[in-house]
Amino acid sequence: MKIIEVIAHPEHIETVQNIGEEHGVTDQWPIGSPDEEERRVMRLLVDDDHRQAVMDALQNQLGKYDTTRIVVLPVEATLPSPEAEDRDKDQEKEKTSKGGATREELYYSISKNAELNSDFLLLVFLSTIVATIGLIENNVAVVVGAMVIAPLLGPNIALALAATLGDTPLMWTALKTNLAGLGLALGISLLTGLILPIDINSHEIISRTYVGIDSVVLALASGAAAVLSLTTGLSSVLVGVMVAVALLPPTATFGLMLGSGQPGLAFGAALLLAVNVVCVNLAAKIVFLARGVKPRTWLEKRKARQSIITYIVFWILSLLVLLIAIYLRGRV
């Protein structure tokens, strides 16, 4: 449950109230006095199941006015506790998300993690240093620590969301950030492999050069869990997901093995990295679709439909190619 705060011209306040009544919001009330632009503030207390429908209705009715602003505020608790209400079939059809975070909340939180900036590059740099040390020293605790601080999962989830919404700018931003992060991690680990002696019998290294069906299942489950945690508003579990999917250690192992002149092991690490990236993106896309995350307007939906088909077909074909590579490598 959250508060949707609408700041609009006084003549639109009645529209906001009607939307609230139509969609059965838990409560609504005006606050404060008009601001310098003579705008009024209306707050609506909305549960998770109805929040997306209310957001869509507000944008449809008031989105064309430049003076209107819609803000979503968190709610820690409310008394008395809201009672469960019966929902008819028409209300169910209006949902664009099956509870949890709305499309707008998802976009805001996920797009932030897809930005290519100094903070992202610094985190990649530091996490790669930590990962390479953990791999060289065969220290699992250090490797897990590197997974937790690595920001590489964010751009992959953003790529899936961009395809779901047909958002080309976000798609290119996520792709650019993803390539920059993986490229930086690979470059640092490659340089480390050229400079330092590497024990190729290290368990932490060897375990990241093996790829099997279990690796595919783990990556699919981790990608699905990542998106599910976001769409249900439980983003705190993402730390555990980052540890499970492990995008950074295979990248670091790939670079270390290339630098130390071990092409066979390097290929195994690269294959594991590719499996993780493909499976995370494919699983994320499927969960977004299953959760009903989609564009608001019919024009955006038509635009997104083509990108969704292209996206899913691309990742399925990529996964099939990787499965064939895994099979052929296992027979050698």
C-alpha atoms as a PDB file:
ATOM      1  CA  MET A   1       0.000   0.000   0.000  1.00  0.00           C
ATOM      2  CA  LYS A   2       1.258   3.475  -0.925  1.00  0.00           C
ATOM      3  CA  ILE A   3       0.115   7.077  -1.159  1.00  0.00           C
ATOM      4  CA  ILE A   4      -0.342   8.626  -4.591  1.00  0.00           C
ATOM      5  CA  GLU A   5      -0.026  12.394  -4.257  1.00  0.00           C
ATOM      6  CA  VAL A   6      -1.486  14.452  -7.099  1.00  0.00           C
ATOM      7  CA  ILE A   7      -0.519  18.121  -7.437  1.00  0.00           C
ATOM      8  CA  ALA A   8      -2.865  19.756  -9.932  1.00  0.00           C
ATOM      9  CA  HIS A   9      -4.938  22.831 -10.756  1.00  0.00           C
ATOM     10  CA  PRO A  10      -8.041  23.145  -8.515  1.00  0.00           C
ATOM     11  CA  GLU A  11     -10.363  22.404 -11.436  1.00  0.00           C
ATOM     12  CA  HIS A  12      -8.791  18.944 -11.758  1.00  0.00           C
ATOM     13  CA  ILE A  13      -9.178  17.943  -8.100  1.00  0.00           C
ATOM     14  CA  GLU A  14     -12.714  16.681  -8.730  1.00  0.00           C
ATOM     15  CA  THR A  15     -11.338  14.496 -11.544  1.00  0.00           C
ATOM     16  CA  VAL A  16      -8.827  13.003  -9.112  1.00  0.00           C
ATOM     17  CA  GLN A  17     -11.588  12.316  -6.586  1.00  0.00           C
ATOM     18  CA  ASN A  18     -13.715  10.623  -9.232  1.00  0.00           C
ATOM     19  CA  ILE A  19     -10.803   8.403 -10.259  1.00  0.00           C
ATOM     20  CA  GLY A  20     -10.282   7.432  -6.640  1.00  0.00           C
ATOM     21  CA  GLU A  21     -13.939   6.526  -6.181  1.00  0.00           C
ATOM     22  CA  GLU A  22     -14.062   4.637  -9.479  1.00  0.00           C
ATOM     23  CA  HIS A  23     -11.091   2.452  -8.601  1.00  0.00           C
ATOM     24  CA  GLY A  24     -12.026   1.904  -4.972  1.00  0.00           C
ATOM     25  CA  VAL A  25      -9.041   3.539  -3.262  1.00  0.00           C
ATOM     26  CA  THR A  26      -8.809   2.934   0.473  1.00  0.00           C
ATOM     27  CA  ASP A  27      -8.988   6.649   1.334  1.00  0.00           C
ATOM     28  CA  GLN A  28      -8.403  10.088  -0.201  1.00  0.00           C
ATOM     29  CA  TRP A  29      -8.058  13.589   1.198  1.00  0.00           C
ATOM     30  CA  PRO A  30      -6.833  17.095   0.206  1.00  0.00           C
ATOM     31  CA  ILE A  31      -3.902  18.667   2.055  1.00  0.00           C
ATOM     32  CA  GLY A  32      -2.365  22.122   2.451  1.00  0.00           C
ATOM     33  CA  SER A  33      -3.106  25.374   0.689  1.00  0.00           C
ATOM     34  CA  PRO A  34      -2.617  26.303  -2.978  1.00  0.00           C
ATOM     35  CA  ASP A  35       1.036  26.854  -3.998  1.00  0.00           C
ATOM     36  CA  GLU A  36       2.453  29.766  -6.011  1.00  0.00           C
ATOM     37  CA  GLU A  37       0.922  28.334  -9.177  1.00  0.00           C
ATOM     38  CA  GLU A  38      -2.433  27.917  -7.379  1.00  0.00           C
ATOM     39  CA  ARG A  39      -2.175  24.147  -7.521  1.00  0.00           C
ATOM     40  CA  ARG A  40      -3.852  21.950  -4.920  1.00  0.00           C
ATOM     41  CA  VAL A  41      -2.667  18.660  -3.463  1.00  0.00           C
ATOM     42  CA  MET A  42      -4.801  15.522  -3.273  1.00  0.00           C
ATOM     43  CA  ARG A  43      -3.617  12.314  -1.642  1.00  0.00           C
ATOM     44  CA  LEU A  44      -4.965   8.837  -2.349  1.00  0.00           C
ATOM     45  CA  LEU A  45      -4.221   5.804  -0.183  1.00  0.00           C
ATOM     46  CA  VAL A  46      -4.116   2.897  -2.648  1.00  0.00           C
ATOM     47  CA  ASP A  47      -3.425  -0.810  -2.154  1.00  0.00           C
ATOM     48  CA  ASP A  48      -1.027  -2.744  -4.365  1.00  0.00           C
ATOM     49  CA  ASP A  49      -3.674  -4.401  -6.541  1.00  0.00           C
ATOM     50  CA  HIS A  50      -5.269  -1.114  -7.617  1.00  0.00           C
ATOM     51  CA  ARG A  51      -2.254   1.195  -7.741  1.00  0.00           C
ATOM     52  CA  GLN A  52      -1.340   0.590 -11.385  1.00  0.00           C
ATOM     53  CA  ALA A  53      -4.926   1.142 -12.549  1.00  0.00           C
ATOM     54  CA  VAL A  54      -5.121   4.401 -10.592  1.00  0.00           C
ATOM     55  CA  MET A  55      -1.767   5.580 -11.976  1.00  0.00           C
ATOM     56  CA  ASP A  56      -2.889   4.844 -15.538  1.00  0.00           C
ATOM     57  CA  ALA A  57      -6.212   6.658 -15.059  1.00  0.00           C
ATOM     58  CA  LEU A  58      -4.464   9.714 -13.591  1.00  0.00           C
ATOM     59  CA  GLN A  59      -1.993   9.866 -16.472  1.00  0.00           C
ATOM     60  CA  ASN A  60      -4.737   9.435 -19.054  1.00  0.00           C
ATOM     61  CA  GLN A  61      -6.796  12.272 -17.569  1.00  0.00           C
ATOM     62  CA  LEU A  62      -4.113  14.680 -16.332  1.00  0.00           C
ATOM     63  CA  GLY A  63      -0.900  13.728 -18.161  1.00  0.00           C
ATOM     64  CA  LYS A  64      -1.396  16.405 -20.832  1.00  0.00           C
ATOM     65  CA  TYR A  65      -1.224  19.237 -18.292  1.00  0.00           C
ATOM     66  CA  ASP A  66       2.283  20.562 -17.619  1.00  0.00           C
ATOM     67  CA  THR A  67       1.334  21.842 -14.163  1.00  0.00           C
ATOM     68  CA  THR A  68       0.287  18.385 -12.939  1.00  0.00           C
ATOM     69  CA  ARG A  69       2.684  16.217 -10.963  1.00  0.00           C
ATOM     70  CA  ILE A  70       2.081  12.710  -9.618  1.00  0.00           C
ATOM     71  CA  VAL A  71       4.248  11.457  -6.743  1.00  0.00           C
ATOM     72  CA  VAL A  72       4.240   7.984  -5.156  1.00  0.00           C
ATOM     73  CA  LEU A  73       5.009   7.972  -1.422  1.00  0.00           C
ATOM     74  CA  PRO A  74       5.807   4.925   0.758  1.00  0.00           C
ATOM     75  CA  VAL A  75       3.543   3.884   3.648  1.00  0.00           C
ATOM     76  CA  GLU A  76       5.116   2.216   6.665  1.00  0.00           C
ATOM     77  CA  ALA A  77       1.810   1.486   8.411  1.00  0.00           C
ATOM     78  CA  THR A  78      -1.800   2.652   8.515  1.00  0.00           C
ATOM     79  CA  LEU A  79      -4.471   2.382  11.201  1.00  0.00           C
ATOM     80  CA  PRO A  80      -7.049   1.049  11.156  1.00  0.00           C
ATOM     81  CA  SER A  81      -5.756  -1.761   8.974  1.00  0.00           C
ATOM     82  CA  PRO A  82      -7.529  -1.883   5.600  1.00  0.00           C
ATOM     83  CA  GLU A  83      -9.961  -4.759   5.249  1.00  0.00           C
ATOM     84  CA  ALA A  84      -9.792  -7.066   2.249  1.00  0.00           C
ATOM     85  CA  GLU A  85     -12.342  -6.062  -0.359  1.00  0.00           C
ATOM     86  CA  ASP A  86     -14.075  -8.166  -2.980  1.00  0.00           C
ATOM     87  CA  ARG A  87     -12.885  -7.332  -6.478  1.00  0.00           C
ATOM     88  CA  ASP A  88     -15.096  -7.969  -9.475  1.00  0.00           C
ATOM     89  CA  LYS A  89     -13.844  -9.311 -12.775  1.00  0.00           C
ATOM     90  CA  ASP A  90     -13.834  -5.904 -14.441  1.00  0.00           C
ATOM     91  CA  GLN A  91     -11.351  -4.622 -11.878  1.00  0.00           C
ATOM     92  CA  GLU A  92      -9.157  -7.654 -12.447  1.00  0.00           C
ATOM     93  CA  LYS A  93      -9.065  -6.928 -16.169  1.00  0.00           C
ATOM     94  CA  GLU A  94      -7.985  -3.361 -15.515  1.00  0.00           C
ATOM     95  CA  LYS A  95      -4.812  -4.451 -13.772  1.00  0.00           C
ATOM     96  CA  THR A  96      -1.602  -4.036 -15.669  1.00  0.00           C
ATOM     97  CA  SER A  97       0.425  -5.518 -12.845  1.00  0.00           C
ATOM     98  CA  LYS A  98      -0.466  -8.308 -10.439  1.00  0.00           C
ATOM     99  CA  GLY A  99       0.131  -6.285  -7.302  1.00  0.00           C
ATOM    100  CA  GLY A 100       3.442  -5.020  -6.025  1.00  0.00           C
ATOM    101  CA  ALA A 101       5.358  -2.230  -7.742  1.00  0.00           C
ATOM    102  CA  THR A 102       3.756  -0.270 -10.569  1.00  0.00           C
ATOM    103  CA  ARG A 103       5.260   0.190 -14.000  1.00  0.00           C
ATOM    104  CA  GLU A 104       6.429   3.683 -13.062  1.00  0.00           C
ATOM    105  CA  GLU A 105       8.047   2.553  -9.805  1.00  0.00           C
ATOM    106  CA  LEU A 106       9.826  -0.287 -11.599  1.00  0.00           C
ATOM    107  CA  TYR A 107      11.076   2.025 -14.316  1.00  0.00           C
ATOM    108  CA  TYR A 108      12.455   4.528 -11.812  1.00  0.00           C
ATOM    109  CA  SER A 109      14.274   1.964  -9.661  1.00  0.00           C
ATOM    110  CA  ILE A 110      15.598  -0.166 -12.534  1.00  0.00           C
ATOM    111  CA  SER A 111      16.651   2.664 -14.868  1.00  0.00           C
ATOM    112  CA  LYS A 112      18.839   4.133 -12.108  1.00  0.00           C
ATOM    113  CA  ASN A 113      20.873   0.923 -12.061  1.00  0.00           C
ATOM    114  CA  ALA A 114      21.396   1.106 -15.830  1.00  0.00           C
ATOM    115  CA  GLU A 115      23.129   4.488 -15.839  1.00  0.00           C
ATOM    116  CA  LEU A 116      26.732   4.555 -17.005  1.00  0.00           C
ATOM    117  CA  ASN A 117      28.422   6.911 -14.571  1.00  0.00           C
ATOM    118  CA  SER A 118      31.513   7.158 -12.398  1.00  0.00           C
ATOM    119  CA  ASP A 119      29.851   5.340  -9.487  1.00  0.00           C
ATOM    120  CA  PHE A 120      28.996   2.344 -11.682  1.00  0.00           C
ATOM    121  CA  LEU A 121      32.512   2.153 -13.144  1.00  0.00           C
ATOM    122  CA  LEU A 122      34.109   2.537  -9.714  1.00  0.00           C
ATOM    123  CA  LEU A 123      32.000  -0.299  -8.300  1.00  0.00           C
ATOM    124  CA  VAL A 124      32.927  -2.511 -11.256  1.00  0.00           C
ATOM    125  CA  PHE A 125      36.600  -1.643 -10.777  1.00  0.00           C
ATOM    126  CA  LEU A 126      36.589  -2.366  -7.041  1.00  0.00           C
ATOM    127  CA  SER A 127      34.482  -5.531  -7.293  1.00  0.00           C
ATOM    128  CA  THR A 128      36.749  -6.880 -10.049  1.00  0.00           C
ATOM    129  CA  ILE A 129      39.841  -6.264  -7.922  1.00  0.00           C
ATOM    130  CA  VAL A 130      38.177  -8.086  -5.024  1.00  0.00           C
ATOM    131  CA  ALA A 131      37.048 -10.946  -7.288  1.00  0.00           C
ATOM    132  CA  THR A 132      40.457 -11.492  -8.876  1.00  0.00           C
ATOM    133  CA  ILE A 133      42.128 -11.559  -5.455  1.00  0.00           C
ATOM    134  CA  GLY A 134      39.554 -14.059  -4.202  1.00  0.00           C
ATOM    135  CA  LEU A 135      40.020 -16.273  -7.262  1.00  0.00           C
ATOM    136  CA  ILE A 136      43.824 -16.181  -7.080  1.00  0.00           C
ATOM    137  CA  GLU A 137      43.849 -16.811  -3.327  1.00  0.00           C
ATOM    138  CA  ASN A 138      41.117 -19.476  -3.633  1.00  0.00           C
ATOM    139  CA  ASN A 139      39.061 -17.600  -1.031  1.00  0.00           C
ATOM    140  CA  VAL A 140      35.321 -18.169  -1.458  1.00  0.00           C
ATOM    141  CA  ALA A 141      34.354 -15.484   1.075  1.00  0.00           C
ATOM    142  CA  VAL A 142      36.194 -12.815  -0.903  1.00  0.00           C
ATOM    143  CA  VAL A 143      34.601 -13.977  -4.172  1.00  0.00           C
ATOM    144  CA  VAL A 144      31.120 -13.817  -2.618  1.00  0.00           C
ATOM    145  CA  GLY A 145      31.899 -10.309  -1.384  1.00  0.00           C
ATOM    146  CA  ALA A 146      32.796  -9.286  -4.926  1.00  0.00           C
ATOM    147  CA  MET A 147      29.486 -10.659  -6.218  1.00  0.00           C
ATOM    148  CA  VAL A 148      27.525  -8.609  -3.690  1.00  0.00           C
ATOM    149  CA  ILE A 149      29.098  -5.247  -4.579  1.00  0.00           C
ATOM    150  CA  ALA A 150      29.212  -5.856  -8.348  1.00  0.00           C
ATOM    151  CA  PRO A 151      26.542  -3.756 -10.162  1.00  0.00           C
ATOM    152  CA  LEU A 152      26.406  -5.907 -13.314  1.00  0.00           C
ATOM    153  CA  LEU A 153      22.940  -7.330 -12.687  1.00  0.00           C
ATOM    154  CA  GLY A 154      21.227  -3.923 -12.966  1.00  0.00           C
ATOM    155  CA  PRO A 155      21.853  -3.246 -16.684  1.00  0.00           C
ATOM    156  CA  ASN A 156      20.682  -6.747 -17.620  1.00  0.00           C
ATOM    157  CA  ILE A 157      17.357  -6.313 -15.805  1.00  0.00           C
ATOM    158  CA  ALA A 158      17.000  -2.852 -17.367  1.00  0.00           C
ATOM    159  CA  LEU A 159      17.520  -4.374 -20.807  1.00  0.00           C
ATOM    160  CA  ALA A 160      14.605  -6.763 -20.236  1.00  0.00           C
ATOM    161  CA  LEU A 161      12.357  -3.975 -18.940  1.00  0.00           C
ATOM    162  CA  ALA A 162      13.226  -1.757 -21.916  1.00  0.00           C
ATOM    163  CA  ALA A 163      12.145  -4.500 -24.320  1.00  0.00           C
ATOM    164  CA  THR A 164       8.937  -5.038 -22.350  1.00  0.00           C
ATOM    165  CA  LEU A 165       8.001  -1.352 -22.591  1.00  0.00           C
ATOM    166  CA  GLY A 166       9.429  -0.786 -26.060  1.00  0.00           C
ATOM    167  CA  ASP A 167      11.726   1.884 -24.612  1.00  0.00           C
ATOM    168  CA  THR A 168      14.558   2.178 -27.146  1.00  0.00           C
ATOM    169  CA  PRO A 169      16.579   4.857 -25.264  1.00  0.00           C
ATOM    170  CA  LEU A 170      16.618   2.744 -22.082  1.00  0.00           C
ATOM    171  CA  MET A 171      17.534  -0.333 -24.119  1.00  0.00           C
ATOM    172  CA  TRP A 172      20.584   1.357 -25.636  1.00  0.00           C
ATOM    173  CA  THR A 173      21.574   2.835 -22.275  1.00  0.00           C
ATOM    174  CA  ALA A 174      21.367  -0.576 -20.590  1.00  0.00           C
ATOM    175  CA  LEU A 175      23.285  -2.252 -23.424  1.00  0.00           C
ATOM    176  CA  LYS A 176      26.014   0.387 -23.336  1.00  0.00           C
ATOM    177  CA  THR A 177      26.321   0.164 -19.555  1.00  0.00           C
ATOM    178  CA  ASN A 178      26.398  -3.630 -19.625  1.00  0.00           C
ATOM    179  CA  LEU A 179      29.138  -3.746 -22.271  1.00  0.00           C
ATOM    180  CA  ALA A 180      31.166  -1.061 -20.478  1.00  0.00           C
ATOM    181  CA  GLY A 181      30.954  -2.921 -17.160  1.00  0.00           C
ATOM    182  CA  LEU A 182      31.859  -6.324 -18.603  1.00  0.00           C
ATOM    183  CA  GLY A 183      34.615  -4.762 -20.728  1.00  0.00           C
ATOM    184  CA  LEU A 184      36.164  -3.003 -17.735  1.00  0.00           C
ATOM    185  CA  ALA A 185      36.018  -6.152 -15.601  1.00  0.00           C
ATOM    186  CA  LEU A 186      37.549  -8.219 -18.400  1.00  0.00           C
ATOM    187  CA  GLY A 187      40.317  -5.683 -19.003  1.00  0.00           C
ATOM    188  CA  ILE A 188      41.312  -5.510 -15.315  1.00  0.00           C
ATOM    189  CA  SER A 189      41.338  -9.286 -14.873  1.00  0.00           C
ATOM    190  CA  LEU A 190      43.235  -9.774 -18.136  1.00  0.00           C
ATOM    191  CA  LEU A 191      45.929  -7.341 -16.997  1.00  0.00           C
ATOM    192  CA  THR A 192      46.103  -9.126 -13.649  1.00  0.00           C
ATOM    193  CA  GLY A 193      46.536 -12.468 -15.395  1.00  0.00           C
ATOM    194  CA  LEU A 194      49.439 -11.075 -17.429  1.00  0.00           C
ATOM    195  CA  ILE A 195      51.219  -9.691 -14.374  1.00  0.00           C
ATOM    196  CA  LEU A 196      50.615 -12.163 -11.546  1.00  0.00           C
ATOM    197  CA  PRO A 197      51.241 -15.921 -11.443  1.00  0.00           C
ATOM    198  CA  ILE A 198      47.943 -17.845 -11.468  1.00  0.00           C
ATOM    199  CA  ASP A 199      47.363 -21.245  -9.897  1.00  0.00           C
ATOM    200  CA  ILE A 200      45.015 -22.878 -12.403  1.00  0.00           C
ATOM    201  CA  ASN A 201      44.273 -25.657  -9.901  1.00  0.00           C
ATOM    202  CA  SER A 202      42.456 -23.210  -7.636  1.00  0.00           C
ATOM    203  CA  HIS A 203      38.981 -24.563  -6.902  1.00  0.00           C
ATOM    204  CA  GLU A 204      37.400 -21.113  -7.236  1.00  0.00           C
ATOM    205  CA  ILE A 205      38.871 -20.746 -10.716  1.00  0.00           C
ATOM    206  CA  ILE A 206      38.157 -24.276 -11.938  1.00  0.00           C
ATOM    207  CA  SER A 207      34.528 -24.081 -10.755  1.00  0.00           C
ATOM    208  CA  ARG A 208      34.014 -21.049 -13.027  1.00  0.00           C
ATOM    209  CA  THR A 209      35.314 -22.854 -16.110  1.00  0.00           C
ATOM    210  CA  TYR A 210      32.736 -25.662 -15.963  1.00  0.00           C
ATOM    211  CA  VAL A 211      29.329 -25.224 -17.618  1.00  0.00           C
ATOM    212  CA  GLY A 212      26.479 -27.719 -17.371  1.00  0.00           C
ATOM    213  CA  ILE A 213      22.714 -27.848 -17.429  1.00  0.00           C
ATOM    214  CA  ASP A 214      22.748 -26.975 -13.738  1.00  0.00           C
ATOM    215  CA  SER A 215      24.436 -23.684 -14.647  1.00  0.00           C
ATOM    216  CA  VAL A 216      21.611 -22.897 -17.074  1.00  0.00           C
ATOM    217  CA  VAL A 217      18.934 -23.714 -14.497  1.00  0.00           C
ATOM    218  CA  LEU A 218      20.686 -21.608 -11.834  1.00  0.00           C
ATOM    219  CA  ALA A 219      20.953 -18.593 -14.141  1.00  0.00           C
ATOM    220  CA  LEU A 220      17.295 -18.862 -15.222  1.00  0.00           C
ATOM    221  CA  ALA A 221      16.112 -19.144 -11.622  1.00  0.00           C
ATOM    222  CA  SER A 222      18.300 -16.237 -10.510  1.00  0.00           C
ATOM    223  CA  GLY A 223      17.096 -13.943 -13.287  1.00  0.00           C
ATOM    224  CA  ALA A 224      13.478 -14.797 -12.537  1.00  0.00           C
ATOM    225  CA  ALA A 225      13.988 -14.238  -8.806  1.00  0.00           C
ATOM    226  CA  ALA A 226      15.617 -10.862  -9.450  1.00  0.00           C
ATOM    227  CA  VAL A 227      12.644  -9.526 -11.399  1.00  0.00           C
ATOM    228  CA  LEU A 228      10.102 -11.137  -9.082  1.00  0.00           C
ATOM    229  CA  SER A 229      11.729  -9.433  -6.095  1.00  0.00           C
ATOM    230  CA  LEU A 230      11.469  -6.068  -7.849  1.00  0.00           C
ATOM    231  CA  THR A 231       7.898  -6.420  -9.087  1.00  0.00           C
ATOM    232  CA  THR A 232       6.663  -7.505  -5.666  1.00  0.00           C
ATOM    233  CA  GLY A 233       8.476  -4.645  -3.948  1.00  0.00           C
ATOM    234  CA  LEU A 234      10.941  -6.904  -2.111  1.00  0.00           C
ATOM    235  CA  SER A 235      14.127  -5.558  -3.681  1.00  0.00           C
ATOM    236  CA  SER A 236      16.181  -6.279  -0.556  1.00  0.00           C
ATOM    237  CA  VAL A 237      16.522  -9.920  -1.617  1.00  0.00           C
ATOM    238  CA  LEU A 238      18.462  -8.798  -4.688  1.00  0.00           C
ATOM    239  CA  VAL A 239      21.682  -9.166  -2.737  1.00  0.00           C
ATOM    240  CA  GLY A 240      21.066 -12.901  -2.532  1.00  0.00           C
ATOM    241  CA  VAL A 241      20.192 -13.009  -6.224  1.00  0.00           C
ATOM    242  CA  MET A 242      23.408 -11.242  -7.171  1.00  0.00           C
ATOM    243  CA  VAL A 243      25.376 -13.834  -5.234  1.00  0.00           C
ATOM    244  CA  ALA A 244      23.509 -16.685  -6.920  1.00  0.00           C
ATOM    245  CA  VAL A 245      23.784 -15.554 -10.529  1.00  0.00           C
ATOM    246  CA  ALA A 246      27.476 -14.569 -10.278  1.00  0.00           C
ATOM    247  CA  LEU A 247      28.041 -12.446 -13.374  1.00  0.00           C
ATOM    248  CA  LEU A 248      31.354 -11.032 -12.187  1.00  0.00           C
ATOM    249  CA  PRO A 249      33.429 -14.126 -11.208  1.00  0.00           C
ATOM    250  CA  PRO A 250      33.125 -15.785 -14.662  1.00  0.00           C
ATOM    251  CA  THR A 251      34.181 -12.499 -16.266  1.00  0.00           C
ATOM    252  CA  ALA A 252      37.181 -12.207 -13.971  1.00  0.00           C
ATOM    253  CA  THR A 253      38.076 -15.876 -14.525  1.00  0.00           C
ATOM    254  CA  PHE A 254      37.826 -15.375 -18.298  1.00  0.00           C
ATOM    255  CA  GLY A 255      40.315 -12.503 -18.121  1.00  0.00           C
ATOM    256  CA  LEU A 256      42.674 -14.287 -15.750  1.00  0.00           C
ATOM    257  CA  MET A 257      42.805 -17.396 -17.927  1.00  0.00           C
ATOM    258  CA  LEU A 258      43.388 -15.359 -21.081  1.00  0.00           C
ATOM    259  CA  GLY A 259      46.179 -13.446 -19.392  1.00  0.00           C
ATOM    260  CA  SER A 260      47.842 -16.595 -18.082  1.00  0.00           C
ATOM    261  CA  GLY A 261      47.733 -18.359 -21.458  1.00  0.00           C
ATOM    262  CA  GLN A 262      44.999 -20.916 -20.764  1.00  0.00           C
ATOM    263  CA  PRO A 263      42.622 -20.663 -23.769  1.00  0.00           C
ATOM    264  CA  GLY A 264      40.730 -23.855 -22.917  1.00  0.00           C
ATOM    265  CA  LEU A 265      39.841 -22.693 -19.414  1.00  0.00           C
ATOM    266  CA  ALA A 266      39.186 -19.185 -20.717  1.00  0.00           C
ATOM    267  CA  PHE A 267      36.630 -20.589 -23.167  1.00  0.00           C
ATOM    268  CA  GLY A 268      34.849 -22.412 -20.342  1.00  0.00           C
ATOM    269  CA  ALA A 269      34.621 -19.220 -18.272  1.00  0.00           C
ATOM    270  CA  ALA A 270      33.403 -17.239 -21.298  1.00  0.00           C
ATOM    271  CA  LEU A 271      30.755 -19.883 -21.976  1.00  0.00           C
ATOM    272  CA  LEU A 272      29.551 -19.710 -18.356  1.00  0.00           C
ATOM    273  CA  LEU A 273      29.384 -15.907 -18.554  1.00  0.00           C
ATOM    274  CA  ALA A 274      27.396 -16.070 -21.785  1.00  0.00           C
ATOM    275  CA  VAL A 275      24.960 -18.583 -20.265  1.00  0.00           C
ATOM    276  CA  ASN A 276      24.406 -16.331 -17.244  1.00  0.00           C
ATOM    277  CA  VAL A 277      23.801 -13.214 -19.345  1.00  0.00           C
ATOM    278  CA  VAL A 278      21.424 -14.956 -21.760  1.00  0.00           C
ATOM    279  CA  CYS A 279      19.459 -16.765 -19.067  1.00  0.00           C
ATOM    280  CA  VAL A 280      19.120 -13.694 -16.843  1.00  0.00           C
ATOM    281  CA  ASN A 281      17.737 -11.631 -19.725  1.00  0.00           C
ATOM    282  CA  LEU A 282      15.405 -14.382 -20.947  1.00  0.00           C
ATOM    283  CA  ALA A 283      14.047 -15.198 -17.475  1.00  0.00           C
ATOM    284  CA  ALA A 284      13.637 -11.513 -16.640  1.00  0.00           C
ATOM    285  CA  LYS A 285      11.601 -10.938 -19.791  1.00  0.00           C
ATOM    286  CA  ILE A 286       9.336 -13.905 -19.110  1.00  0.00           C
ATOM    287  CA  VAL A 287       8.653 -12.754 -15.535  1.00  0.00           C
ATOM    288  CA  PHE A 288       7.874  -9.205 -16.678  1.00  0.00           C
ATOM    289  CA  LEU A 289       5.312 -10.637 -19.094  1.00  0.00           C
ATOM    290  CA  ALA A 290       3.875 -12.997 -16.469  1.00  0.00           C
ATOM    291  CA  ARG A 291       3.513 -10.110 -13.998  1.00  0.00           C
ATOM    292  CA  GLY A 292       1.583  -8.072 -16.548  1.00  0.00           C
ATOM    293  CA  VAL A 293       4.147  -5.290 -16.933  1.00  0.00           C
ATOM    294  CA  LYS A 294       3.362  -3.502 -20.198  1.00  0.00           C
ATOM    295  CA  PRO A 295       3.120   0.006 -21.695  1.00  0.00           C
ATOM    296  CA  ARG A 296       0.167   2.258 -20.893  1.00  0.00           C
ATOM    297  CA  THR A 297      -1.033   3.595 -24.260  1.00  0.00           C
ATOM    298  CA  TRP A 298      -2.047   1.588 -27.340  1.00  0.00           C
ATOM    299  CA  LEU A 299       0.699   3.233 -29.411  1.00  0.00           C
ATOM    300  CA  GLU A 300       3.363   2.228 -26.905  1.00  0.00           C
ATOM    301  CA  LYS A 301       1.912  -1.299 -26.740  1.00  0.00           C
ATOM    302  CA  ARG A 302       2.112  -1.654 -30.526  1.00  0.00           C
ATOM    303  CA  LYS A 303       5.698  -0.434 -30.474  1.00  0.00           C
ATOM    304  CA  ALA A 304       6.603  -2.804 -27.634  1.00  0.00           C
ATOM    305  CA  ARG A 305       5.015  -5.851 -29.258  1.00  0.00           C
ATOM    306  CA  GLN A 306       7.657  -5.996 -31.981  1.00  0.00           C
ATOM    307  CA  SER A 307      10.554  -5.494 -29.574  1.00  0.00           C
ATOM    308  CA  ILE A 308       9.188  -8.214 -27.277  1.00  0.00           C
ATOM    309  CA  ILE A 309       9.051 -10.786 -30.088  1.00  0.00           C
ATOM    310  CA  THR A 310      12.515  -9.838 -31.343  1.00  0.00           C
ATOM    311  CA  TYR A 311      13.943  -9.890 -27.827  1.00  0.00           C
ATOM    312  CA  ILE A 312      12.565 -13.299 -26.849  1.00  0.00           C
ATOM    313  CA  VAL A 313      13.478 -14.942 -30.164  1.00  0.00           C
ATOM    314  CA  PHE A 314      17.021 -13.567 -29.959  1.00  0.00           C
ATOM    315  CA  TRP A 315      17.641 -14.840 -26.433  1.00  0.00           C
ATOM    316  CA  ILE A 316      16.037 -18.250 -27.095  1.00  0.00           C
ATOM    317  CA  LEU A 317      18.205 -18.764 -30.178  1.00  0.00           C
ATOM    318  CA  SER A 318      21.251 -17.617 -28.209  1.00  0.00           C
ATOM    319  CA  LEU A 319      20.451 -20.115 -25.455  1.00  0.00           C
ATOM    320  CA  LEU A 320      20.059 -22.927 -27.999  1.00  0.00           C
ATOM    321  CA  VAL A 321      23.467 -22.104 -29.484  1.00  0.00           C
ATOM    322  CA  LEU A 322      25.014 -22.121 -26.016  1.00  0.00           C
ATOM    323  CA  LEU A 323      23.386 -25.453 -25.157  1.00  0.00           C
ATOM    324  CA  ILE A 324      24.854 -26.957 -28.330  1.00  0.00           C
ATOM    325  CA  ALA A 325      28.263 -25.536 -27.378  1.00  0.00           C
ATOM    326  CA  ILE A 326      27.948 -27.029 -23.884  1.00  0.00           C
ATOM    327  CA  TYR A 327      27.042 -30.416 -25.359  1.00  0.00           C
ATOM    328  CA  LEU A 328      29.924 -30.399 -27.850  1.00  0.00           C
ATOM    329  CA  ARG A 329      32.408 -29.273 -25.198  1.00  0.00           C
ATOM    330  CA  GLY A 330      31.270 -32.088 -22.909  1.00  0.00           C
ATOM    331  CA  ARG A 331      32.042 -34.662 -25.602  1.00  0.00           C
ATOM    332  CA  VAL A 332      35.588 -33.434 -26.187  1.00  0.00           C
END
